[in-house]
Amino acid sequence: MHVMVLGAGLSGVTTAWYLQQAGFGVSIVDRQPGPALETSFANGGQISISHPEPWANPGAPLQVLRWLGRDDAPLKFRPTTDPAQWLWGARFLFECLPARAHRNTAAIAALALWSGERLRELRARTGLQYDQLERGILHLFHTPREFAQAPARARQLERFGIEARVCSRAECLALEPALAAGAETLAGGLFAPGDESGDAFRFTRELAARLQENGANLHWDSAIRGLRSSPGKGIESVEVCDAQGRHSALRADAYVVCLGSYGPRLVAPLGERLPIYPVKGYSITAPLLDPARAPSVSLTDESRRIVCSRLGDRLRVAGTAELNGFDTRIRSERIRPILEWVNNRFPGAIDEQRVEPWAGLRPATPGNLPVIGRGRAPNLWFNTGHGTLGWTLACGSAAALAELMCGRTPPLSFPFRLPR
C-alpha cells in the first residue's frame, strides 16, 4: 500500500518514517526545496513533556486581557476580518473551562510521555545526531507568587507519571551555573529530568535522508493545489505545481495531511473542518561568544513564556505567540524582548552581530490537542495541529497514526479520530 504524506515538516517526515517502518510504501510532497523549512525550522528546541498544560486554561482569559496593548506580550491578539480567527478565539475560550482544560492536559500528557519513549527508541535504532541534550528542562519562576504554584504543578505532573521536582534558587544554580548572572531575580524552579532538547530542523533533515535511502519518494518544490476525489472512492490524486509552473497529478492509495496551518484550506472543499489556526511564534539563533556564560540545561521562563536551548555551539531562544492570520513577517518589536532576555540573563554569552531572527506559523487547535486519525474520505488521514508542542509530540503522533492505519488502537488515552 502506497501512502502519500502531504507536508515535510516534523509531522510529515516522522509520519512517513513510522509508516515506512510499518511496511507501507511512502512518498512526501512539499512546496519547499527540502524538509523542515517552515514551522519546524527554528522552534524552541524543547522536548517538553513536563509542559502538558495547554494555553487554553482557566487563568488564560484574564491573563490575555492584561496583555492587551503590550508589544512584548507573550500572547498578542491582532484582530483581522477573518471569521476563522474569531471562531477559533471563541472555541479557545470554551476550552478554558476547567473540565475541558483538565481533559486536554491529561490527553497531552499521555501522548507526550508516549512520544518521548518513541523518540528514544528511534534514536537508539538509527543513531541520529541533532545536537540533542538529555539534561532535562528547568522551569524558572521570577516572583514568589508564581513560585508558590510550583509544588502543585509538580504533584499534578506526578499524577500523570511525569517526574518533576521543586528547586530552590540555590538548587537551580547548581543545575545551571550560567543562571548566576541573574540570580537575584530568580525565586525558584521546577526541574523535569526526563525532558530533552535538540535541533528539530537537523533531526527532520536527517530522518528524511534515511527515508530516501530506504526507498521513499520525496517530491520537493511541489506546491499542492488541491485534492481530487470521487464519491465512494475517496481521494484519487493530489494536484501539484512544480517550480517551473508545470502541473501534474500524484496518485497513491492513501493520503496523510501534515500541512500545518495550511491544511484546513486544502480539505475544506471536502467538507472537512479542521479547528486549526496559525499562531505565529518567534525565535533567535545566535553563535556562542562565551560558552561558559550560556546555559546547557534547556530553560523555560514561566514569567515571560520564553524558552532557551543549547544547540551545539549555538543558542536558540524562542517565545511569544501572535494571532495575526498568515502573516509571517518578522516584527522587530517582537524580537527585541527575546534578545533583551538573553542579554539580561546571560550577558556576553552570544554574538549579537550574528543573531538570526525567525518567525513561523504554529498550527494550533483551540485546546492544543492535535488532530490525529481518519478523515471523512476512507483514504484520507490527518496528523496535524500540534501548536507549540510539535517537537514534543512528533514521534508519538506519527507512531500513533501508523498504528491506526494498521487497524490497531494506540495504547494510550487520547481522542484519536477513529475509523467510522
Protein backbone atom coordinates (compact mmCIF):
# COMPACT_ATOMS: atom_id res chain seq x y z
CA MET A 1 0.00 0.00 0.00
CA HIS A 2 1.38 3.39 -1.03
CA VAL A 3 0.77 6.34 1.30
CA MET A 4 1.43 9.93 0.24
CA VAL A 5 2.29 12.34 3.05
CA LEU A 6 1.43 15.97 2.34
CA GLY A 7 3.95 18.20 4.08
CA ALA A 8 7.60 17.69 5.03
CA GLY A 9 7.89 19.33 8.43
CA LEU A 10 8.42 17.40 11.66
CA SER A 11 4.92 15.96 11.48
CA GLY A 12 5.15 14.89 7.85
CA VAL A 13 8.63 13.35 7.94
CA THR A 14 8.07 11.45 11.20
CA THR A 15 4.72 10.23 9.84
CA ALA A 16 6.44 8.93 6.70
CA TRP A 17 9.13 7.27 8.83
CA TYR A 18 6.75 5.33 11.05
CA LEU A 19 4.58 4.33 8.10
CA GLN A 20 7.65 3.07 6.25
CA GLN A 21 8.73 1.12 9.34
CA ALA A 22 5.24 -0.41 9.44
CA GLY A 23 5.65 -1.73 5.89
CA PHE A 24 3.93 0.95 3.82
CA GLY A 25 5.42 2.41 0.69
CA VAL A 26 5.67 6.16 1.26
CA SER A 27 6.22 9.40 -0.58
CA ILE A 28 6.30 13.01 0.60
CA VAL A 29 5.14 16.15 -1.19
CA ASP A 30 6.20 19.65 -0.16
CA ARG A 31 6.38 23.07 -1.79
CA GLN A 32 9.81 23.77 -0.29
CA PRO A 33 13.13 22.53 -1.75
CA GLY A 34 13.79 20.41 1.35
CA PRO A 35 12.38 19.27 4.70
CA ALA A 36 11.53 21.38 7.76
CA LEU A 37 11.92 24.79 6.14
CA GLU A 38 8.82 26.38 7.64
CA THR A 39 7.30 25.85 11.13
CA SER A 40 9.87 23.20 12.11
CA PHE A 41 12.88 25.25 11.04
CA ALA A 42 13.78 27.23 14.18
CA ASN A 43 11.49 26.28 17.05
CA GLY A 44 12.47 26.42 20.72
CA GLY A 45 14.25 23.07 20.57
CA GLN A 46 12.49 21.56 23.59
CA ILE A 47 11.04 18.09 24.10
CA SER A 48 8.88 19.47 26.90
CA ILE A 49 6.96 16.51 28.29
CA SER A 50 6.70 18.43 31.55
CA HIS A 51 4.53 21.14 29.99
CA PRO A 52 1.27 19.40 29.05
CA GLU A 53 -0.99 22.25 30.19
CA PRO A 54 -2.47 23.97 27.14
CA TRP A 55 -2.58 27.71 26.53
CA ALA A 56 -6.35 27.37 26.98
CA ASN A 57 -6.73 27.06 30.76
CA PRO A 58 -8.95 28.76 33.37
CA GLY A 59 -6.44 31.54 34.01
CA ALA A 60 -5.82 32.37 30.34
CA PRO A 61 -8.69 34.83 29.57
CA LEU A 62 -7.75 37.21 32.39
CA GLN A 63 -4.06 36.95 31.52
CA VAL A 64 -4.74 37.76 27.87
CA LEU A 65 -6.74 40.84 28.91
CA ARG A 66 -3.77 42.02 30.98
CA TRP A 67 -1.51 41.65 27.96
CA LEU A 68 -3.72 43.66 25.57
CA GLY A 69 -1.88 46.61 24.05
CA ARG A 70 1.60 45.37 25.01
CA ASP A 71 4.01 44.88 22.10
CA ASP A 72 6.06 42.45 24.22
CA ALA A 73 3.05 40.44 25.41
CA PRO A 74 3.69 36.67 25.41
CA LEU A 75 0.34 36.21 23.62
CA LYS A 76 -0.72 39.02 21.32
CA PHE A 77 -4.05 39.15 19.51
CA ARG A 78 -4.10 41.22 16.32
CA PRO A 79 -7.74 41.30 15.15
CA THR A 80 -8.43 40.66 11.47
CA THR A 81 -11.60 40.40 9.40
CA ASP A 82 -11.11 36.65 9.01
CA PRO A 83 -14.14 34.85 10.55
CA ALA A 84 -11.93 31.82 11.20
CA GLN A 85 -9.87 33.86 13.66
CA TRP A 86 -12.92 34.85 15.70
CA LEU A 87 -14.38 31.35 15.60
CA TRP A 88 -11.07 29.93 16.80
CA GLY A 89 -11.00 32.54 19.59
CA ALA A 90 -14.49 31.57 20.74
CA ARG A 91 -13.52 27.90 20.81
CA PHE A 92 -10.36 28.82 22.71
CA LEU A 93 -12.49 30.42 25.45
CA PHE A 94 -14.62 27.26 25.62
CA GLU A 95 -11.51 25.12 26.07
CA CYS A 96 -10.52 27.34 29.02
CA LEU A 97 -13.34 25.82 31.09
CA PRO A 98 -11.84 23.78 33.97
CA ALA A 99 -13.21 20.42 32.86
CA ARG A 100 -12.07 20.92 29.27
CA ALA A 101 -8.63 22.13 30.32
CA HIS A 102 -8.17 19.10 32.62
CA ARG A 103 -9.24 16.71 29.85
CA ASN A 104 -6.87 18.32 27.36
CA THR A 105 -3.96 18.37 29.81
CA ALA A 106 -4.37 14.66 30.59
CA ALA A 107 -4.53 13.76 26.90
CA ILE A 108 -1.46 15.84 26.03
CA ALA A 109 0.48 14.34 28.96
CA ALA A 110 -0.33 10.79 27.82
CA LEU A 111 0.72 11.50 24.24
CA ALA A 112 3.85 13.39 25.33
CA LEU A 113 5.07 10.53 27.53
CA TRP A 114 4.47 8.00 24.76
CA SER A 115 6.16 10.31 22.27
CA GLY A 116 9.26 10.61 24.44
CA GLU A 117 9.56 6.83 24.53
CA ARG A 118 9.21 6.61 20.74
CA LEU A 119 11.89 9.28 20.24
CA ARG A 120 14.37 7.45 22.44
CA GLU A 121 13.67 4.19 20.59
CA LEU A 122 14.13 5.89 17.22
CA ARG A 123 17.41 7.44 18.31
CA ALA A 124 18.71 4.13 19.64
CA ARG A 125 17.79 2.37 16.39
CA THR A 126 19.09 4.96 13.95
CA GLY A 127 21.88 6.75 15.84
CA LEU A 128 20.58 10.12 14.62
CA GLN A 129 22.54 13.14 15.84
CA TYR A 130 20.81 16.53 16.06
CA ASP A 131 22.60 18.46 18.82
CA GLN A 132 20.43 16.63 21.35
CA LEU A 133 20.96 17.04 25.08
CA GLU A 134 19.30 14.79 27.66
CA ARG A 135 19.73 17.20 30.57
CA GLY A 136 16.10 17.93 31.34
CA ILE A 137 14.24 21.23 31.33
CA LEU A 138 14.37 23.72 34.20
CA HIS A 139 11.26 25.88 34.55
CA LEU A 140 12.13 29.25 36.10
CA PHE A 141 9.92 31.44 38.30
CA HIS A 142 10.84 35.04 38.98
CA THR A 143 8.21 36.05 41.53
CA PRO A 144 7.35 34.40 44.86
CA ARG A 145 3.69 34.26 43.82
CA GLU A 146 4.47 32.23 40.69
CA PHE A 147 6.94 30.00 42.52
CA ALA A 148 4.33 29.24 45.17
CA GLN A 149 2.40 27.32 42.48
CA ALA A 150 5.34 25.05 41.68
CA PRO A 151 4.59 22.32 44.29
CA ALA A 152 1.04 21.92 42.98
CA ARG A 153 2.32 21.66 39.43
CA ALA A 154 4.85 19.04 40.49
CA ARG A 155 2.08 16.99 42.14
CA GLN A 156 -0.09 17.24 39.04
CA LEU A 157 2.75 16.10 36.80
CA GLU A 158 3.43 13.21 39.16
CA ARG A 159 -0.20 12.10 38.78
CA PHE A 160 0.36 11.97 35.03
CA GLY A 161 3.53 9.93 35.51
CA ILE A 162 5.90 12.83 34.72
CA GLU A 163 8.84 13.34 37.07
CA ALA A 164 9.42 16.90 38.30
CA ARG A 165 10.89 18.38 41.46
CA VAL A 166 10.70 21.82 43.01
CA CYS A 167 14.08 23.57 43.23
CA SER A 168 15.22 26.44 45.40
CA ARG A 169 17.28 29.25 43.90
CA ALA A 170 20.47 27.53 45.07
CA GLU A 171 19.39 24.23 43.52
CA CYS A 172 18.61 26.00 40.23
CA LEU A 173 22.10 27.48 40.20
CA ALA A 174 23.62 24.09 40.93
CA LEU A 175 21.76 22.61 37.95
CA GLU A 176 22.65 25.51 35.67
CA PRO A 177 25.55 27.70 36.85
CA ALA A 178 25.05 30.12 33.93
CA LEU A 179 21.98 31.46 35.76
CA ALA A 180 24.25 33.17 38.29
CA ALA A 181 24.30 36.44 36.33
CA GLY A 182 20.58 36.98 37.00
CA ALA A 183 20.28 35.04 40.24
CA GLU A 184 18.88 37.98 42.22
CA THR A 185 15.66 37.90 40.16
CA LEU A 186 15.16 34.15 40.50
CA ALA A 187 12.59 32.86 43.00
CA GLY A 188 12.98 29.17 42.25
CA GLY A 189 12.34 26.49 39.69
CA LEU A 190 10.76 23.21 38.70
CA PHE A 191 13.12 20.65 37.18
CA ALA A 192 11.94 17.88 34.84
CA PRO A 193 14.88 15.47 34.33
CA GLY A 194 13.09 13.39 31.68
CA ASP A 195 12.84 16.25 29.20
CA GLU A 196 15.28 16.85 26.35
CA SER A 197 16.33 19.41 23.77
CA GLY A 198 17.66 19.30 20.24
CA ASP A 199 17.58 20.83 16.76
CA ALA A 200 14.26 19.87 15.16
CA PHE A 201 15.42 21.03 11.72
CA ARG A 202 18.52 18.85 11.81
CA PHE A 203 16.51 15.88 13.15
CA THR A 204 13.93 16.19 10.36
CA ARG A 205 16.55 16.61 7.64
CA GLU A 206 18.50 13.54 8.82
CA LEU A 207 15.34 11.43 9.08
CA ALA A 208 14.23 12.48 5.58
CA ALA A 209 17.62 11.32 4.25
CA ARG A 210 17.09 7.92 5.89
CA LEU A 211 13.63 7.72 4.33
CA GLN A 212 15.05 8.34 0.88
CA GLU A 213 17.79 5.76 1.42
CA ASN A 214 15.06 3.26 2.27
CA GLY A 215 13.15 3.92 -0.95
CA ALA A 216 10.77 6.78 -0.20
CA ASN A 217 9.97 9.25 -3.00
CA LEU A 218 10.46 12.86 -1.93
CA HIS A 219 8.74 15.40 -4.18
CA TRP A 220 10.32 18.81 -3.48
CA ASP A 221 9.32 22.17 -4.99
CA SER A 222 5.82 20.76 -5.49
CA ALA A 223 3.10 23.14 -4.37
CA ILE A 224 -0.14 21.34 -3.58
CA ARG A 225 -3.06 22.93 -5.42
CA GLY A 226 -5.89 20.60 -4.47
CA LEU A 227 -7.21 17.11 -3.88
CA ARG A 228 -9.25 15.24 -6.45
CA SER A 229 -11.92 12.98 -5.00
CA SER A 230 -14.94 10.98 -6.11
CA PRO A 231 -17.92 9.56 -4.17
CA GLY A 232 -17.23 6.15 -2.73
CA LYS A 233 -13.58 6.12 -3.78
CA GLY A 234 -12.23 8.93 -1.62
CA ILE A 235 -9.13 10.84 -2.67
CA GLU A 236 -7.88 9.87 -6.12
CA SER A 237 -4.93 12.22 -6.59
CA VAL A 238 -3.09 15.33 -5.45
CA GLU A 239 -2.76 18.21 -7.89
CA VAL A 240 0.69 19.81 -7.70
CA CYS A 241 2.62 22.54 -9.47
CA ASP A 242 6.42 22.37 -9.66
CA ALA A 243 8.96 25.21 -9.61
CA GLN A 244 8.72 25.56 -13.41
CA GLY A 245 4.95 26.01 -13.27
CA ARG A 246 4.16 22.55 -14.62
CA HIS A 247 1.00 20.91 -13.27
CA SER A 248 0.62 17.20 -12.62
CA ALA A 249 -1.37 14.72 -10.53
CA LEU A 250 0.29 12.43 -7.98
CA ARG A 251 -1.52 9.25 -7.00
CA ALA A 252 -1.42 6.92 -4.02
CA ASP A 253 -3.64 4.50 -2.12
CA ALA A 254 -3.96 6.77 0.95
CA TYR A 255 -3.08 10.33 1.86
CA VAL A 256 -1.99 11.95 5.15
CA VAL A 257 -2.38 15.70 5.65
CA CYS A 258 0.54 17.17 7.62
CA LEU A 259 0.39 20.70 6.25
CA GLY A 260 0.28 22.66 9.47
CA SER A 261 -1.69 25.89 9.30
CA TYR A 262 -2.44 25.40 5.61
CA GLY A 263 -4.21 22.05 6.00
CA PRO A 264 -7.71 23.43 6.71
CA ARG A 265 -7.79 25.32 3.40
CA LEU A 266 -6.86 22.21 1.43
CA VAL A 267 -9.52 19.92 2.90
CA ALA A 268 -12.36 22.44 3.34
CA PRO A 269 -13.79 21.64 -0.16
CA LEU A 270 -14.13 18.02 1.00
CA GLY A 271 -16.36 19.05 3.92
CA GLU A 272 -13.56 18.71 6.49
CA ARG A 273 -13.45 21.41 9.16
CA LEU A 274 -10.11 21.27 10.92
CA PRO A 275 -10.11 23.51 14.04
CA ILE A 276 -6.64 24.88 13.27
CA TYR A 277 -5.49 28.48 13.14
CA PRO A 278 -1.94 29.85 12.72
CA VAL A 279 -0.28 31.18 15.86
CA LYS A 280 2.95 32.93 14.93
CA GLY A 281 5.98 32.27 17.10
CA TYR A 282 9.37 33.98 17.09
CA SER A 283 12.90 32.86 17.83
CA ILE A 284 16.50 33.93 17.56
CA THR A 285 19.52 31.72 16.96
CA ALA A 286 22.99 33.02 17.75
CA PRO A 287 26.53 31.63 17.82
CA LEU A 288 28.04 31.40 21.28
CA LEU A 289 30.63 34.06 22.07
CA ASP A 290 31.47 32.65 25.51
CA PRO A 291 30.14 29.09 26.01
CA ALA A 292 30.77 29.27 29.78
CA ARG A 293 28.19 32.05 30.07
CA ALA A 294 25.48 30.15 28.17
CA PRO A 295 23.16 27.52 29.66
CA SER A 296 23.43 23.86 28.71
CA VAL A 297 20.25 22.84 30.52
CA SER A 298 17.18 23.80 28.50
CA LEU A 299 15.21 26.55 30.23
CA THR A 300 11.62 27.76 30.32
CA ASP A 301 11.00 31.20 31.80
CA GLU A 302 7.48 30.79 33.15
CA SER A 303 7.15 34.51 33.86
CA ARG A 304 7.98 35.61 30.31
CA ARG A 305 6.92 32.49 28.34
CA ILE A 306 10.39 32.28 26.81
CA VAL A 307 12.33 29.06 26.21
CA CYS A 308 16.04 28.57 25.64
CA SER A 309 18.01 25.58 24.31
CA ARG A 310 21.69 24.93 23.67
CA LEU A 311 22.21 23.53 20.16
CA GLY A 312 25.88 22.67 19.87
CA ASP A 313 27.76 25.95 19.54
CA ARG A 314 24.54 27.96 19.13
CA LEU A 315 21.85 29.23 21.46
CA ARG A 316 18.18 29.10 20.42
CA VAL A 317 15.75 31.36 22.28
CA ALA A 318 12.07 31.36 21.39
CA GLY A 319 8.94 32.94 22.71
CA THR A 320 5.73 34.86 22.20
CA ALA A 321 2.61 33.88 20.32
CA GLU A 322 0.76 36.13 17.94
CA LEU A 323 -2.66 35.66 16.34
CA ASN A 324 -2.38 37.59 13.11
CA GLY A 325 -3.57 35.31 10.34
CA PHE A 326 -0.96 34.02 7.90
CA ASP A 327 1.38 36.98 8.33
CA THR A 328 4.94 35.64 8.55
CA ARG A 329 6.74 38.99 8.75
CA ILE A 330 9.40 39.27 11.43
CA ARG A 331 8.46 42.23 13.63
CA SER A 332 11.36 43.89 15.41
CA GLU A 333 9.21 44.77 18.44
CA ARG A 334 8.59 41.03 18.98
CA ILE A 335 12.24 40.02 18.51
CA ARG A 336 13.61 42.77 20.76
CA PRO A 337 12.23 41.36 24.07
CA ILE A 338 13.72 37.95 23.27
CA LEU A 339 17.14 39.44 22.64
CA GLU A 340 16.90 41.58 25.77
CA TRP A 341 16.01 38.47 27.78
CA VAL A 342 19.21 36.74 26.63
CA ASN A 343 21.39 39.74 27.36
CA ASN A 344 19.89 40.23 30.82
CA ARG A 345 20.06 36.56 31.83
CA PHE A 346 23.31 35.57 30.12
CA PRO A 347 25.35 38.72 29.39
CA GLY A 348 28.21 38.15 26.97
CA ALA A 349 27.06 34.64 26.03
CA ILE A 350 26.09 35.20 22.38
CA ASP A 351 27.45 37.05 19.37
CA GLU A 352 24.83 39.78 18.91
CA GLN A 353 26.23 40.71 15.50
CA ARG A 354 25.28 37.30 14.10
CA VAL A 355 21.81 36.81 15.55
CA GLU A 356 19.38 35.13 13.14
CA PRO A 357 15.73 36.12 13.81
CA TRP A 358 12.91 33.85 12.65
CA ALA A 359 9.13 33.64 12.70
CA GLY A 360 6.91 30.67 11.90
CA LEU A 361 3.24 29.73 11.99
CA ARG A 362 2.33 27.12 14.57
CA PRO A 363 -0.79 25.16 13.59
CA ALA A 364 -2.82 25.45 16.80
CA THR A 365 -6.14 23.95 17.81
CA PRO A 366 -8.14 25.81 20.49
CA GLY A 367 -7.38 23.20 23.15
CA ASN A 368 -3.86 22.31 21.94
CA LEU A 369 -4.88 18.75 21.05
CA PRO A 370 -3.52 17.71 17.64
CA VAL A 371 -5.81 16.14 15.06
CA ILE A 372 -4.70 12.53 14.57
CA GLY A 373 -6.72 9.92 12.71
CA ARG A 374 -9.07 9.37 9.81
CA GLY A 375 -10.95 11.93 7.76
CA ARG A 376 -14.35 11.69 6.08
CA ALA A 377 -12.91 10.07 2.97
CA PRO A 378 -11.91 6.44 3.60
CA ASN A 379 -8.32 7.00 2.44
CA LEU A 380 -7.71 10.43 3.99
CA TRP A 381 -5.84 10.75 7.27
CA PHE A 382 -4.58 13.58 9.48
CA ASN A 383 -1.59 14.21 11.71
CA THR A 384 -1.60 17.95 12.29
CA GLY A 385 -2.46 20.82 14.65
CA HIS A 386 0.31 20.35 17.24
CA GLY A 387 0.67 24.05 18.06
CA THR A 388 3.59 24.79 20.38
CA LEU A 389 4.23 21.08 21.06
CA GLY A 390 5.13 19.86 17.58
CA TRP A 391 8.65 18.77 18.56
CA THR A 392 7.47 17.22 21.82
CA LEU A 393 4.65 15.20 20.24
CA ALA A 394 6.16 14.46 16.81
CA CYS A 395 7.29 10.86 17.21
CA GLY A 396 4.33 9.79 19.34
CA SER A 397 1.77 11.31 16.99
CA ALA A 398 3.36 9.69 13.94
CA ALA A 399 3.68 6.31 15.63
CA ALA A 400 0.05 6.52 16.76
CA LEU A 401 -1.14 7.31 13.24
CA ALA A 402 0.81 4.34 11.89
CA GLU A 403 -0.95 2.13 14.45
CA LEU A 404 -4.34 3.47 13.38
CA MET A 405 -3.58 2.94 9.69
CA CYS A 406 -2.59 -0.65 10.50
CA GLY A 407 -6.01 -1.18 12.10
CA ARG A 408 -4.76 -1.08 15.68
CA THR A 409 -5.59 1.24 18.57
CA PRO A 410 -2.56 3.03 20.09
CA PRO A 411 -2.03 2.04 23.77
CA LEU A 412 -2.79 5.43 25.31
CA SER A 413 -5.77 7.53 26.29
CA PHE A 414 -6.18 10.18 23.59
CA PRO A 415 -9.18 11.33 21.47
CA PHE A 416 -7.98 9.97 18.14
CA ARG A 417 -10.17 10.24 15.07
CA LEU A 418 -11.14 6.61 14.68
CA PRO A 419 -12.49 4.94 11.50
CA ARG A 420 -16.24 5.26 11.12
